Amino acid sequence: MSCSEQWLDKVAVVTGSGAGIGAATAQWLARKGVAVLAATYEPNEGGEEIVQHIVDSGGKSAIAFGDVAKESDVEGLFEIARNLFGPVDILVQAAGGMSKVSRITDMSTDEWDRLQAVNLRSAFLGIRAALPSMIERGWGRIVTVASEAGRMPVRVTSPAYAAAKAGVVGLTKHVAREVAATGVTINATAPSVTVSPRVLAGYGERLESVMKEHPAQRLAEPEEQAAAIVFLCSPEASYINGACIDVTCGAVNI
């Protein structure tokens, strides 16, 4: 069986599939022949449209809703995927983000805890839910979506978000050593600011200065981020494990 043919029997869970990087990744995997469970927090976030587009194009997909920071919801996503398509081979954790730019002295404890939950706790819960079946079957791909803010200080961000995304990178690298001999790989990508409704709304008037300061003088497109994620999910990426790929067009250079 060729590497391309090996995609056809795979099942993926992609969180944050309503828009942006998650939506682009879900659609790209589906074009490869992967059955995709597109997960969003709640209805009307765009996930239904993404799934409909996949199905209309001849792919396999379904929508599911859940809080990725809640243990029972995460376990429920994997149960839905198994019932609809079979055991999960690929997990892409694109859910996360921040609601506003802030300084540490202006941040409440509740805001700190919320951002740790949606960005870092969610990564832990998803990895833990995915691994047993992958290890048992001797094949699996997990990709966590971190951020340039977790790789180096950036001016326009939230300290809680930066800390959580740095934690995602550290978690990914540690787990990679645990699973290295099992046939499962886990890697991260660290995107720079990427076009999405959340980003456009959250950055507001700061967006123009962010683009001017970027080496590329523009934001990334979701498909440009999805390209790296999908490669890390591929059969061809079998010896890439514990990596964090900076998809920043030179903004991160360390």
Protein backbone atom coordinates (compact mmCIF):
# COMPACT_ATOMS: atom_id res chain seq x y z
CA MET A 1 0.00 0.00 0.00
CA SER A 2 1.39 3.41 -0.95
CA CYS A 3 1.57 6.30 1.53
CA SER A 4 -1.24 8.05 -0.35
CA GLU A 5 -3.51 5.01 -0.08
CA GLN A 6 -2.86 4.81 3.66
CA TRP A 7 -4.82 8.03 4.19
CA LEU A 8 -8.06 6.46 3.04
CA ASP A 9 -8.89 4.44 6.14
CA LYS A 10 -7.92 7.12 8.66
CA VAL A 11 -10.22 8.92 11.10
CA ALA A 12 -9.46 12.37 12.48
CA VAL A 13 -10.80 14.58 15.23
CA VAL A 14 -10.10 18.26 14.56
CA THR A 15 -11.00 20.70 17.31
CA GLY A 16 -11.65 24.35 16.58
CA SER A 17 -13.07 23.41 13.19
CA GLY A 18 -15.52 26.28 12.92
CA ALA A 19 -13.12 28.72 11.28
CA GLY A 20 -9.49 29.59 10.68
CA ILE A 21 -6.76 26.98 11.04
CA GLY A 22 -9.05 24.22 12.30
CA ALA A 23 -11.52 24.64 9.44
CA ALA A 24 -8.77 24.68 6.82
CA THR A 25 -7.16 21.58 8.34
CA ALA A 26 -10.44 19.66 8.50
CA GLN A 27 -11.13 20.35 4.84
CA TRP A 28 -7.59 19.47 3.74
CA LEU A 29 -7.64 16.14 5.61
CA ALA A 30 -11.01 15.33 4.10
CA ARG A 31 -9.62 15.94 0.61
CA LYS A 32 -6.97 13.33 1.44
CA GLY A 33 -9.73 10.80 2.12
CA VAL A 34 -9.69 11.05 5.91
CA ALA A 35 -13.03 10.83 7.75
CA VAL A 36 -13.18 14.00 9.86
CA LEU A 37 -15.10 14.74 13.02
CA ALA A 38 -15.17 18.53 13.09
CA ALA A 39 -15.46 19.68 16.71
CA THR A 40 -16.57 23.13 17.85
CA TYR A 41 -17.61 24.57 21.19
CA GLU A 42 -21.24 25.12 20.22
CA PRO A 43 -23.53 25.38 17.17
CA ASN A 44 -23.40 28.37 14.85
CA GLU A 45 -19.61 28.72 15.03
CA GLY A 46 -19.21 27.74 11.39
CA GLY A 47 -18.54 24.04 11.82
CA GLU A 48 -21.81 23.02 10.20
CA GLU A 49 -20.88 24.85 7.02
CA ILE A 50 -17.44 23.25 6.96
CA VAL A 51 -18.92 19.77 7.33
CA GLN A 52 -21.53 20.44 4.66
CA HIS A 53 -18.83 21.59 2.26
CA ILE A 54 -16.82 18.41 2.90
CA VAL A 55 -19.83 16.17 2.38
CA ASP A 56 -20.94 18.04 -0.73
CA SER A 57 -17.43 17.52 -2.12
CA GLY A 58 -17.66 13.76 -1.59
CA GLY A 59 -15.83 13.52 1.71
CA LYS A 60 -16.74 11.98 5.05
CA SER A 61 -17.41 14.33 7.93
CA ALA A 62 -19.70 15.07 10.85
CA ILE A 63 -20.03 17.84 13.41
CA ALA A 64 -19.79 17.50 17.18
CA PHE A 65 -19.95 20.06 19.95
CA GLY A 66 -18.09 20.20 23.23
CA ASP A 67 -15.90 22.13 25.62
CA VAL A 68 -12.31 21.02 24.98
CA ALA A 69 -11.37 22.03 28.53
CA LYS A 70 -13.97 19.63 30.00
CA GLU A 71 -12.94 16.01 30.48
CA SER A 72 -16.33 14.44 29.78
CA ASP A 73 -16.83 16.50 26.62
CA VAL A 74 -13.44 15.51 25.22
CA GLU A 75 -14.10 11.84 25.90
CA GLY A 76 -17.48 12.31 24.25
CA LEU A 77 -15.89 13.63 21.06
CA PHE A 78 -13.80 10.48 20.71
CA GLU A 79 -16.81 8.28 21.39
CA ILE A 80 -18.79 10.05 18.67
CA ALA A 81 -15.91 9.64 16.22
CA ARG A 82 -15.59 5.93 17.00
CA ASN A 83 -19.31 5.34 16.62
CA LEU A 84 -19.50 7.17 13.30
CA PHE A 85 -16.22 6.30 11.62
CA GLY A 86 -14.07 4.00 13.76
CA PRO A 87 -11.05 4.43 16.04
CA VAL A 88 -9.35 7.82 15.88
CA ASP A 89 -5.99 7.84 14.08
CA ILE A 90 -5.37 11.60 13.92
CA LEU A 91 -5.97 14.36 16.45
CA VAL A 92 -5.47 17.99 15.55
CA GLN A 93 -5.95 20.35 18.47
CA ALA A 94 -6.65 23.70 16.85
CA ALA A 95 -9.09 24.97 19.48
CA GLY A 96 -7.84 27.71 21.77
CA GLY A 97 -7.05 31.38 21.58
CA MET A 98 -7.45 34.51 23.65
CA SER A 99 -10.24 37.03 23.95
CA LYS A 100 -8.20 40.21 24.38
CA VAL A 101 -4.73 41.68 24.48
CA SER A 102 -3.68 42.48 28.04
CA ARG A 103 -0.86 43.10 30.49
CA ILE A 104 -0.15 40.91 33.50
CA THR A 105 -1.07 43.67 35.96
CA ASP A 106 -4.49 44.05 34.34
CA MET A 107 -5.32 40.34 34.25
CA SER A 108 -7.73 38.73 36.69
CA THR A 109 -7.17 35.29 38.14
CA ASP A 110 -10.31 34.07 36.41
CA GLU A 111 -9.02 35.22 33.02
CA TRP A 112 -5.68 33.53 33.64
CA ASP A 113 -7.37 30.26 34.61
CA ARG A 114 -9.71 30.39 31.63
CA LEU A 115 -6.90 30.80 29.12
CA GLN A 116 -4.88 28.00 30.72
CA ALA A 117 -7.94 25.76 30.47
CA VAL A 118 -8.87 26.44 26.86
CA ASN A 119 -5.27 26.31 25.59
CA LEU A 120 -3.24 23.98 27.83
CA ARG A 121 -5.68 21.83 29.80
CA SER A 122 -7.47 21.11 26.51
CA ALA A 123 -4.20 19.84 25.00
CA PHE A 124 -3.64 17.52 27.95
CA LEU A 125 -7.19 16.15 27.81
CA GLY A 126 -7.11 15.56 24.07
CA ILE A 127 -3.71 13.86 24.09
CA ARG A 128 -4.69 11.62 26.98
CA ALA A 129 -7.93 10.61 25.30
CA ALA A 130 -6.30 9.89 21.94
CA LEU A 131 -3.20 7.94 22.92
CA PRO A 132 -4.39 4.57 24.32
CA SER A 133 -6.14 3.46 21.13
CA MET A 134 -3.36 4.80 18.91
CA ILE A 135 -0.69 3.00 20.90
CA GLU A 136 -2.71 -0.21 20.92
CA ARG A 137 -3.00 -0.12 17.11
CA GLY A 138 0.59 1.01 16.56
CA TRP A 139 -0.16 4.15 14.54
CA GLY A 140 -1.28 7.67 15.31
CA ARG A 141 -0.68 11.32 14.64
CA ILE A 142 -1.29 14.15 17.10
CA VAL A 143 -0.65 17.78 16.22
CA THR A 144 -1.09 20.52 18.80
CA VAL A 145 -1.42 24.11 17.61
CA ALA A 146 0.70 26.39 19.79
CA SER A 147 1.66 29.95 18.85
CA GLU A 148 4.60 32.20 18.11
CA ALA A 149 3.74 33.74 21.49
CA GLY A 150 4.72 30.45 23.12
CA ARG A 151 8.09 30.46 21.36
CA MET A 152 9.27 34.01 21.99
CA PRO A 153 7.94 37.26 23.48
CA VAL A 154 5.60 39.16 21.17
CA ARG A 155 4.28 42.64 21.78
CA VAL A 156 0.58 42.19 21.12
CA THR A 157 -0.72 39.24 23.13
CA SER A 158 -1.86 38.07 26.55
CA PRO A 159 0.64 36.79 29.13
CA ALA A 160 -1.69 33.94 30.04
CA TYR A 161 -1.99 32.96 26.39
CA ALA A 162 1.79 33.05 25.93
CA ALA A 163 2.33 30.93 29.03
CA ALA A 164 -0.30 28.39 27.99
CA LYS A 165 1.07 28.03 24.46
CA ALA A 166 4.62 27.62 25.79
CA GLY A 167 3.15 24.88 27.95
CA VAL A 168 1.61 23.23 24.90
CA VAL A 169 5.04 23.07 23.26
CA GLY A 170 6.61 21.61 26.41
CA LEU A 171 3.82 19.07 26.84
CA THR A 172 4.10 18.00 23.21
CA LYS A 173 7.84 17.47 23.40
CA HIS A 174 7.62 15.49 26.62
CA VAL A 175 4.88 13.17 25.37
CA ALA A 176 6.83 12.64 22.13
CA ARG A 177 9.57 10.90 24.13
CA GLU A 178 7.00 8.74 25.89
CA VAL A 179 5.50 7.45 22.62
CA ALA A 180 8.54 7.43 20.33
CA ALA A 181 8.71 3.63 20.05
CA THR A 182 4.97 3.06 19.61
CA GLY A 183 4.28 4.18 16.04
CA VAL A 184 2.56 7.33 17.30
CA THR A 185 4.00 10.79 16.73
CA ILE A 186 3.09 14.06 18.39
CA ASN A 187 4.26 17.42 17.10
CA ALA A 188 3.32 21.06 17.41
CA THR A 189 3.04 23.99 15.07
CA ALA A 190 3.59 27.57 16.20
CA PRO A 191 1.65 29.90 13.91
CA SER A 192 2.07 33.62 13.71
CA VAL A 193 -1.09 35.71 13.56
CA THR A 194 -3.45 34.06 11.06
CA VAL A 195 -6.58 35.40 9.40
CA SER A 196 -9.76 34.34 11.21
CA PRO A 197 -12.91 36.07 12.46
CA ARG A 198 -11.61 35.85 16.04
CA VAL A 199 -8.29 37.45 15.15
CA LEU A 200 -9.85 40.22 13.11
CA ALA A 201 -12.24 41.06 15.94
CA GLY A 202 -9.75 40.64 18.78
CA TYR A 203 -6.88 42.71 17.39
CA GLY A 204 -9.05 45.52 16.09
CA GLU A 205 -7.08 48.68 15.45
CA ARG A 206 -3.84 46.94 16.45
CA LEU A 207 -4.01 44.70 13.40
CA GLU A 208 -2.38 47.16 11.02
CA SER A 209 0.64 47.61 13.31
CA VAL A 210 0.96 43.84 13.74
CA MET A 211 1.16 43.41 9.96
CA LYS A 212 3.67 46.23 9.57
CA GLU A 213 5.96 44.67 12.17
CA HIS A 214 5.83 41.22 10.57
CA PRO A 215 8.65 40.26 8.17
CA ALA A 216 6.08 39.25 5.53
CA GLN A 217 4.05 42.44 6.01
CA ARG A 218 0.87 40.37 6.11
CA LEU A 219 -1.03 37.83 8.15
CA ALA A 220 -0.86 34.11 7.43
CA GLU A 221 -3.76 32.47 5.64
CA PRO A 222 -5.38 29.46 7.36
CA GLU A 223 -4.42 27.18 4.46
CA GLU A 224 -0.76 28.09 4.95
CA GLN A 225 -0.97 26.87 8.54
CA ALA A 226 -2.98 23.79 7.58
CA ALA A 227 -0.29 22.73 5.10
CA ALA A 228 2.22 22.14 7.90
CA ILE A 229 -0.33 20.41 10.11
CA VAL A 230 -1.50 18.03 7.40
CA PHE A 231 2.08 17.08 6.55
CA LEU A 232 2.75 16.21 10.20
CA CYS A 233 -0.38 14.01 10.09
CA SER A 234 0.80 12.16 7.00
CA PRO A 235 2.28 8.67 6.75
CA GLU A 236 5.38 10.31 5.28
CA ALA A 237 6.07 12.19 8.54
CA SER A 238 6.71 9.01 10.51
CA TYR A 239 10.16 10.08 11.79
CA ILE A 240 9.16 13.59 12.83
CA ASN A 241 8.31 13.44 16.52
CA GLY A 242 8.57 16.07 19.22
CA ALA A 243 9.07 18.89 16.73
CA CYS A 244 7.62 22.36 16.88
CA ILE A 245 7.40 23.87 13.42
CA ASP A 246 7.34 27.68 13.41
CA VAL A 247 4.92 28.65 10.64
CA THR A 248 5.67 32.35 10.87
CA CYS A 249 7.42 33.38 7.64
CA GLY A 250 10.50 34.33 9.63
CA ALA A 251 8.87 36.09 12.57
CA VAL A 252 10.25 33.41 14.90
CA ASN A 253 13.90 32.70 14.16
CA ILE A 254 15.33 30.85 17.15
